[in-house]
C-alpha atoms as a PDB file:
ATOM      1  CA  MET A   1       0.234  -0.183   0.440  1.00  0.00           C
ATOM      2  CA  THR A   2       1.442   3.142  -0.893  1.00  0.00           C
ATOM      3  CA  ARG A   3       2.155   6.398   1.549  1.00  0.00           C
ATOM      4  CA  ASP A   4      -1.014   8.002   0.741  1.00  0.00           C
ATOM      5  CA  ALA A   5      -2.912   5.554   0.926  1.00  0.00           C
ATOM      6  CA  LEU A   6      -1.607   5.004   4.179  1.00  0.00           C
ATOM      7  CA  ASP A   7      -2.529   8.433   5.257  1.00  0.00           C
ATOM      8  CA  ALA A   8      -5.929   8.433   3.640  1.00  0.00           C
ATOM      9  CA  LEU A   9      -6.924   5.435   6.098  1.00  0.00           C
ATOM     10  CA  ARG A  10      -5.056   7.412   8.814  1.00  0.00           C
ATOM     11  CA  ASP A  11      -6.810  10.599   8.309  1.00  0.00           C
ATOM     12  CA  ARG A  12      -9.738   8.464   7.743  1.00  0.00           C
ATOM     13  CA  ALA A  13      -9.962   6.646  10.930  1.00  0.00           C
ATOM     14  CA  LEU A  14      -9.337   9.962  12.231  1.00  0.00           C
ATOM     15  CA  HIS A  15     -11.975  11.446  11.221  1.00  0.00           C
ATOM     16  CA  GLU A  16     -14.091   8.601  12.403  1.00  0.00           C
ATOM     17  CA  ALA A  17     -13.016   9.173  15.673  1.00  0.00           C
ATOM     18  CA  GLU A  18     -13.566  12.967  15.808  1.00  0.00           C
ATOM     19  CA  ARG A  19     -17.322  12.028  14.840  1.00  0.00           C
ATOM     20  CA  ILE A  20     -17.547   9.736  17.647  1.00  0.00           C
ATOM     21  CA  ALA A  21     -16.050  12.507  20.170  1.00  0.00           C
ATOM     22  CA  GLU A  22     -18.388  15.276  19.007  1.00  0.00           C
ATOM     23  CA  ALA A  23     -21.592  12.810  19.204  1.00  0.00           C
ATOM     24  CA  LEU A  24     -20.247  11.981  23.147  1.00  0.00           C
ATOM     25  CA  ILE A  25     -19.913  15.533  23.686  1.00  0.00           C
ATOM     26  CA  PHE A  26     -22.593  16.882  22.308  1.00  0.00           C
ATOM     27  CA  ALA A  27     -25.062  14.195  23.554  1.00  0.00           C
ATOM     28  CA  SER A  28     -23.996  14.818  27.486  1.00  0.00           C
ATOM     29  CA  SER A  29     -25.479  17.581  29.832  1.00  0.00           C
ATOM     30  CA  GLY A  30     -22.038  18.142  31.396  1.00  0.00           C
ATOM     31  CA  PRO A  31     -18.893  18.372  30.563  1.00  0.00           C
ATOM     32  CA  VAL A  32     -17.167  14.322  29.543  1.00  0.00           C
ATOM     33  CA  ALA A  33     -13.859  13.661  31.146  1.00  0.00           C
ATOM     34  CA  GLU A  34     -10.887  12.640  28.556  1.00  0.00           C
ATOM     35  CA  SER A  35     -11.098   9.406  29.961  1.00  0.00           C
ATOM     36  CA  LEU A  36     -14.601   8.090  28.870  1.00  0.00           C
ATOM     37  CA  ILE A  37     -13.993  10.127  25.104  1.00  0.00           C
ATOM     38  CA  ALA A  38     -10.918   7.830  25.083  1.00  0.00           C
ATOM     39  CA  ALA A  39     -12.945   4.651  26.341  1.00  0.00           C
ATOM     40  CA  LYS A  40     -14.929   5.338  23.496  1.00  0.00           C
ATOM     41  CA  LEU A  41     -13.013   5.563  20.697  1.00  0.00           C
ATOM     42  CA  PRO A  42     -11.888   2.977  18.449  1.00  0.00           C
ATOM     43  CA  GLN A  43      -8.847   0.903  20.142  1.00  0.00           C
ATOM     44  CA  GLY A  44      -5.489   2.801  19.177  1.00  0.00           C
ATOM     45  CA  ALA A  45      -7.197   6.123  18.776  1.00  0.00           C
ATOM     46  CA  PRO A  46      -5.027   8.903  19.300  1.00  0.00           C
ATOM     47  CA  VAL A  47      -7.866  10.780  21.968  1.00  0.00           C
ATOM     48  CA  GLY A  48      -5.373  13.710  22.355  1.00  0.00           C
ATOM     49  CA  LEU A  49      -4.835  14.633  18.536  1.00  0.00           C
ATOM     50  CA  VAL A  50      -8.495  13.439  18.558  1.00  0.00           C
ATOM     51  CA  ILE A  51      -9.750  16.367  20.928  1.00  0.00           C
ATOM     52  CA  GLN A  52      -7.027  18.645  19.437  1.00  0.00           C
ATOM     53  CA  ARG A  53      -8.920  18.413  15.683  1.00  0.00           C
ATOM     54  CA  LEU A  54     -12.033  18.478  16.837  1.00  0.00           C
ATOM     55  CA  ALA A  55     -11.594  21.933  18.836  1.00  0.00           C
ATOM     56  CA  GLU A  56      -9.639  23.607  15.857  1.00  0.00           C
ATOM     57  CA  SER A  57     -12.540  22.437  13.541  1.00  0.00           C
ATOM     58  CA  TYR A  58     -14.674  24.793  16.196  1.00  0.00           C
ATOM     59  CA  ALA A  59     -12.449  27.198  16.911  1.00  0.00           C
ATOM     60  CA  HIS A  60     -14.143  29.764  14.459  1.00  0.00           C
ATOM     61  CA  ARG A  61     -17.685  28.404  14.750  1.00  0.00           C
ATOM     62  CA  GLY A  62     -20.559  29.778  17.287  1.00  0.00           C
ATOM     63  CA  VAL A  63     -19.652  27.027  20.142  1.00  0.00           C
ATOM     64  CA  ASN A  64     -16.199  26.137  21.317  1.00  0.00           C
ATOM     65  CA  LEU A  65     -14.814  22.774  22.585  1.00  0.00           C
ATOM     66  CA  VAL A  66     -13.868  23.922  25.691  1.00  0.00           C
ATOM     67  CA  ARG A  67     -11.581  22.098  28.369  1.00  0.00           C
ATOM     68  CA  VAL A  68     -13.259  22.239  32.046  1.00  0.00           C
ATOM     69  CA  GLY A  69     -11.074  20.233  34.997  1.00  0.00           C
ATOM     70  CA  ASP A  70      -9.758  17.244  32.972  1.00  0.00           C
ATOM     71  CA  ALA A  71     -13.175  17.028  30.865  1.00  0.00           C
ATOM     72  CA  TRP A  72     -14.398  18.740  27.461  1.00  0.00           C
ATOM     73  CA  ALA A  73     -17.550  20.590  26.617  1.00  0.00           C
ATOM     74  CA  PHE A  74     -19.216  22.603  23.653  1.00  0.00           C
ATOM     75  CA  ARG A  75     -19.601  26.576  25.270  1.00  0.00           C
ATOM     76  CA  THR A  76     -21.159  29.416  23.297  1.00  0.00           C
ATOM     77  CA  ALA A  77     -18.074  31.508  21.786  1.00  0.00           C
ATOM     78  CA  ALA A  78     -16.724  34.150  23.978  1.00  0.00           C
ATOM     79  CA  ASP A  79     -17.127  36.845  21.673  1.00  0.00           C
ATOM     80  CA  LEU A  80     -20.975  35.577  21.501  1.00  0.00           C
ATOM     81  CA  GLY A  81     -21.716  34.975  24.973  1.00  0.00           C
ATOM     82  CA  PHE A  82     -23.851  38.523  25.714  1.00  0.00           C
ATOM     83  CA  LEU A  83     -26.289  37.206  23.313  1.00  0.00           C
ATOM     84  CA  ILE A  84     -27.027  34.601  25.454  1.00  0.00           C
ATOM     85  CA  ARG A  85     -26.669  35.942  28.587  1.00  0.00           C
ATOM     86  CA  GLN A  86     -29.734  38.693  27.412  1.00  0.00           C
ATOM     87  CA  GLU A  87     -31.859  35.824  27.325  1.00  0.00           C
ATOM     88  CA  GLU A  88     -31.353  33.927  30.241  1.00  0.00           C
ATOM     89  CA  THR A  89     -32.550  33.862  33.762  1.00  0.00           C
ATOM     90  CA  GLU A  90     -30.140  33.025  36.554  1.00  0.00           C
ATOM     91  CA  VAL A  91     -31.133  30.713  38.285  1.00  0.00           C
ATOM     92  CA  LYS A  92     -28.710  30.484  41.298  1.00  0.00           C
ATOM     93  CA  LYS A  93     -28.906  33.963  43.075  1.00  0.00           C
ATOM     94  CA  LEU A  94     -25.460  33.969  46.253  1.00  0.00           C
ATOM     95  CA  SER A  95     -26.214  36.356  48.859  1.00  0.00           C
ATOM     96  CA  ARG A  96     -23.193  38.556  49.367  1.00  0.00           C
ATOM     97  CA  ALA A  97     -21.901  36.209  52.184  1.00  0.00           C
ATOM     98  CA  GLY A  98     -22.191  33.143  49.662  1.00  0.00           C
ATOM     99  CA  LEU A  99     -20.281  35.054  47.175  1.00  0.00           C
ATOM    100  CA  GLU A 100     -17.688  35.616  49.723  1.00  0.00           C
ATOM    101  CA  VAL A 101     -17.411  32.373  51.128  1.00  0.00           C
ATOM    102  CA  LEU A 102     -17.521  31.061  48.085  1.00  0.00           C
ATOM    103  CA  SER A 103     -14.550  33.144  46.812  1.00  0.00           C
ATOM    104  CA  THR A 104     -12.288  32.170  49.580  1.00  0.00           C
ATOM    105  CA  ILE A 105     -13.112  28.482  49.129  1.00  0.00           C
ATOM    106  CA  ALA A 106     -12.099  28.920  45.486  1.00  0.00           C
ATOM    107  CA  TYR A 107      -8.966  30.770  46.227  1.00  0.00           C
ATOM    108  CA  HIS A 108      -7.938  28.556  49.803  1.00  0.00           C
ATOM    109  CA  GLN A 109      -8.561  25.251  48.843  1.00  0.00           C
ATOM    110  CA  PRO A 110      -8.862  23.119  50.614  1.00  0.00           C
ATOM    111  CA  VAL A 111     -10.198  24.745  53.324  1.00  0.00           C
ATOM    112  CA  THR A 112     -11.650  24.156  56.778  1.00  0.00           C
ATOM    113  CA  ARG A 113     -14.831  26.127  58.231  1.00  0.00           C
ATOM    114  CA  ALA A 114     -12.482  27.555  60.456  1.00  0.00           C
ATOM    115  CA  GLU A 115     -10.046  28.971  58.491  1.00  0.00           C
ATOM    116  CA  ILE A 116     -12.752  30.209  56.017  1.00  0.00           C
ATOM    117  CA  GLU A 117     -13.941  32.675  59.113  1.00  0.00           C
ATOM    118  CA  ASP A 118     -10.128  33.305  59.378  1.00  0.00           C
ATOM    119  CA  VAL A 119      -9.973  34.947  56.398  1.00  0.00           C
ATOM    120  CA  ARG A 120     -13.043  36.075  56.170  1.00  0.00           C
ATOM    121  CA  GLY A 121     -12.665  37.867  59.896  1.00  0.00           C
ATOM    122  CA  PHE A 122     -16.780  36.687  60.400  1.00  0.00           C
ATOM    123  CA  ALA A 123     -18.656  33.748  61.511  1.00  0.00           C
ATOM    124  CA  THR A 124     -19.637  31.214  58.735  1.00  0.00           C
ATOM    125  CA  SER A 125     -23.195  29.605  59.345  1.00  0.00           C
ATOM    126  CA  LYS A 126     -24.014  26.143  58.618  1.00  0.00           C
ATOM    127  CA  GLY A 127     -26.862  27.676  56.280  1.00  0.00           C
ATOM    128  CA  THR A 128     -24.631  29.639  53.638  1.00  0.00           C
ATOM    129  CA  LEU A 129     -22.450  26.451  53.125  1.00  0.00           C
ATOM    130  CA  ASP A 130     -25.359  24.284  52.843  1.00  0.00           C
ATOM    131  CA  VAL A 131     -26.575  26.586  49.975  1.00  0.00           C
ATOM    132  CA  LEU A 132     -23.116  26.476  48.233  1.00  0.00           C
ATOM    133  CA  LEU A 133     -23.572  22.911  48.797  1.00  0.00           C
ATOM    134  CA  GLU A 134     -26.743  22.637  46.941  1.00  0.00           C
ATOM    135  CA  THR A 135     -25.442  24.881  43.899  1.00  0.00           C
ATOM    136  CA  GLY A 136     -22.946  22.002  42.989  1.00  0.00           C
ATOM    137  CA  TRP A 137     -20.044  24.465  43.258  1.00  0.00           C
ATOM    138  CA  VAL A 138     -18.962  23.565  46.093  1.00  0.00           C
ATOM    139  CA  ARG A 139     -18.066  20.032  47.488  1.00  0.00           C
ATOM    140  CA  MET A 140     -16.673  17.865  50.616  1.00  0.00           C
ATOM    141  CA  ARG A 141     -13.074  17.056  49.423  1.00  0.00           C
ATOM    142  CA  GLY A 142     -12.172  15.325  52.727  1.00  0.00           C
ATOM    143  CA  ARG A 143     -10.848  15.299  56.633  1.00  0.00           C
ATOM    144  CA  ARG A 144      -8.063  17.642  57.818  1.00  0.00           C
ATOM    145  CA  ARG A 145      -5.606  15.337  59.202  1.00  0.00           C
ATOM    146  CA  SER A 146      -6.100  17.369  62.382  1.00  0.00           C
ATOM    147  CA  PRO A 147      -7.344  17.992  65.690  1.00  0.00           C
ATOM    148  CA  GLY A 148     -11.094  17.031  65.413  1.00  0.00           C
ATOM    149  CA  ARG A 149     -10.889  16.113  61.781  1.00  0.00           C
ATOM    150  CA  PRO A 150     -12.556  19.517  60.220  1.00  0.00           C
ATOM    151  CA  VAL A 151     -14.313  18.777  57.399  1.00  0.00           C
ATOM    152  CA  THR A 152     -12.159  20.110  53.800  1.00  0.00           C
ATOM    153  CA  TYR A 153     -14.300  22.146  50.981  1.00  0.00           C
ATOM    154  CA  GLY A 154     -13.240  22.924  47.629  1.00  0.00           C
ATOM    155  CA  THR A 155     -14.939  23.438  44.175  1.00  0.00           C
ATOM    156  CA  THR A 156     -16.259  20.692  41.397  1.00  0.00           C
ATOM    157  CA  ALA A 157     -16.255  20.991  37.958  1.00  0.00           C
ATOM    158  CA  ALA A 158     -19.456  22.198  38.329  1.00  0.00           C
ATOM    159  CA  PHE A 159     -17.840  25.101  39.054  1.00  0.00           C
ATOM    160  CA  LEU A 160     -15.282  25.499  36.584  1.00  0.00           C
ATOM    161  CA  ASP A 161     -17.604  24.828  33.885  1.00  0.00           C
ATOM    162  CA  HIS A 162     -20.278  27.885  35.277  1.00  0.00           C
ATOM    163  CA  PHE A 163     -17.452  30.253  35.048  1.00  0.00           C
ATOM    164  CA  GLY A 164     -15.657  29.328  32.018  1.00  0.00           C
ATOM    165  CA  LEU A 165     -12.479  28.485  33.546  1.00  0.00           C
ATOM    166  CA  GLU A 166     -10.171  25.252  32.402  1.00  0.00           C
ATOM    167  CA  ASP A 167      -8.905  24.960  35.607  1.00  0.00           C
ATOM    168  CA  LEU A 168      -8.393  26.760  39.137  1.00  0.00           C
ATOM    169  CA  ARG A 169      -4.855  28.507  37.794  1.00  0.00           C
ATOM    170  CA  ASP A 170      -7.143  30.059  35.813  1.00  0.00           C
ATOM    171  CA  LEU A 171      -9.047  31.964  38.355  1.00  0.00           C
ATOM    172  CA  PRO A 172      -8.230  35.987  38.317  1.00  0.00           C
ATOM    173  CA  GLY A 173      -4.783  37.335  39.334  1.00  0.00           C
ATOM    174  CA  MET A 174      -4.510  40.710  41.532  1.00  0.00           C
ATOM    175  CA  ASP A 175      -4.600  42.548  38.496  1.00  0.00           C
ATOM    176  CA  GLU A 176      -8.181  41.546  37.294  1.00  0.00           C
ATOM    177  CA  LEU A 177      -9.415  41.625  40.954  1.00  0.00           C
ATOM    178  CA  LYS A 178      -8.852  44.936  41.079  1.00  0.00           C
ATOM    179  CA  GLY A 179      -9.786  46.056  37.949  1.00  0.00           C
ATOM    180  CA  ALA A 180     -12.711  44.391  38.773  1.00  0.00           C
ATOM    181  CA  GLY A 181     -13.035  46.368  41.854  1.00  0.00           C
ATOM    182  CA  LEU A 182     -13.240  43.548  43.849  1.00  0.00           C
ATOM    183  CA  LEU A 183     -10.364  44.315  46.010  1.00  0.00           C
ATOM    184  CA  SER A 184      -9.283  47.717  47.718  1.00  0.00           C
ATOM    185  CA  GLY A 185      -6.335  49.965  46.964  1.00  0.00           C
ATOM    186  CA  ARG A 186      -5.007  49.419  50.194  1.00  0.00           C
ATOM    187  CA  VAL A 187      -4.389  46.238  49.983  1.00  0.00           C
ATOM    188  CA  PRO A 188      -0.507  45.399  50.651  1.00  0.00           C
ATOM    189  CA  SER A 189       1.340  45.517  47.600  1.00  0.00           C
ATOM    190  CA  ASN A 190       3.393  42.160  48.648  1.00  0.00           C
ATOM    191  CA  PHE A 191      -0.395  40.430  49.220  1.00  0.00           C
ATOM    192  CA  GLN A 192      -0.641  37.418  46.444  1.00  0.00           C
ATOM    193  CA  PRO A 193      -3.664  35.293  45.749  1.00  0.00           C
ATOM    194  CA  PRO A 194      -2.499  31.358  47.140  1.00  0.00           C
ATOM    195  CA  VAL A 195      -1.142  29.276  43.798  1.00  0.00           C
ATOM    196  CA  LEU A 196      -3.307  26.431  43.668  1.00  0.00           C
ATOM    197  CA  PRO A 197      -2.819  23.797  41.951  1.00  0.00           C
ATOM    198  CA  ALA A 198      -4.539  22.080  38.588  1.00  0.00           C
ATOM    199  CA  ASN A 199      -6.129  19.411  39.818  1.00  0.00           C
ATOM    200  CA  ASP A 200      -8.750  19.028  43.081  1.00  0.00           C
ATOM    201  CA  ASP A 201      -6.403  15.635  44.273  1.00  0.00           C
ATOM    202  CA  LEU A 202      -6.167  14.904  48.016  1.00  0.00           C
ATOM    203  CA  THR A 203      -3.569  16.909  49.685  1.00  0.00           C
ATOM    204  CA  GLU A 204      -0.992  15.292  51.961  1.00  0.00           C
ATOM    205  CA  ASP A 205      -2.497  16.480  55.185  1.00  0.00           C
ATOM    206  CA  GLU A 206      -6.189  15.539  53.728  1.00  0.00           C
ATOM    207  CA  ASP A 207      -7.658  12.035  54.677  1.00  0.00           C
ATOM    208  CA  PRO A 208     -10.786  10.575  51.957  1.00  0.00           C
ATOM    209  CA  LEU A 209     -14.025  11.204  53.385  1.00  0.00           C
ATOM    210  CA  THR A 210     -15.300   7.226  54.513  1.00  0.00           C
ATOM    211  CA  GLN A 211     -18.497   5.079  54.236  1.00  0.00           C
ATOM    212  CA  MET A 212     -18.706   6.657  58.012  1.00  0.00           C
ATOM    213  CA  ASP A 213     -17.282  10.177  57.642  1.00  0.00           C
ATOM    214  CA  LEU A 214     -20.357  10.668  54.974  1.00  0.00           C
ATOM    215  CA  GLU A 215     -23.269   8.710  57.388  1.00  0.00           C
ATOM    216  CA  GLU A 216     -22.256  11.719  59.875  1.00  0.00           C
ATOM    217  CA  LEU A 217     -22.054  14.435  57.859  1.00  0.00           C
ATOM    218  CA  GLY A 218     -25.971  13.275  56.500  1.00  0.00           C
ATOM    219  CA  LEU A 219     -24.698  12.396  52.907  1.00  0.00           C
ATOM    220  CA  LEU A 220     -25.367   8.348  53.481  1.00  0.00           C
ATOM    221  CA  THR A 221     -28.503   7.210  55.172  1.00  0.00           C
ATOM    222  CA  PRO A 222     -27.617   4.417  57.853  1.00  0.00           C
ATOM    223  CA  MET A 223     -27.992   1.984  55.270  1.00  0.00           C
ATOM    224  CA  GLY A 224     -25.301   3.330  52.890  1.00  0.00           C
ATOM    225  CA  GLU A 225     -27.458   4.771  50.551  1.00  0.00           C
ATOM    226  CA  ALA A 226     -26.900   8.051  49.431  1.00  0.00           C
ATOM    227  CA  GLU A 227     -29.461  10.844  50.228  1.00  0.00           C
ATOM    228  CA  ASP A 228     -31.250  12.809  47.452  1.00  0.00           C
END
């Protein structure tokens, strides 16, 4: 078989793999994990190249293929977002306290309730945390290896997706926060937001939540079934 024929077969196989990835992502109500896409592609198909080609084909369309953590989703092109926002109704309304707690968790995760209160300088009600958990933007990560084993909180893939972030390192920096009026001009010149990891793996001082923890926190019934 000639080189041209081999190249044609390879390109046809990649095109078919792109169609499969496109269908998986399009049909999903949320971002699709890259590992799941890889598992559905024909054996040996290079998932990285497939997604790269698919992203390039959508780069100048009304929707783009974007990374959300370790997953992929189709989203309205950034320059057309204002058209969608004019029509949509925001269903997740957060109080000022809720926004403060959410931003504290986002920039300081993994963080405990006591640490959130230290950062804010105010007590944090359980109700505020419950609201954030209900939005799906915040989750209980694990238990801190310290006296009392407090629960640690962090953001979710849904948080990244909603705010158009690929990973936590895309959170606004100092200049962007000041430009948006979210930081006081009196902030010390040497202040910098914490450096966040690209993933949400447990840290060395965190233990994973066990079934007993989940039951204690009310996330599982005593029989071990998740509550609705």
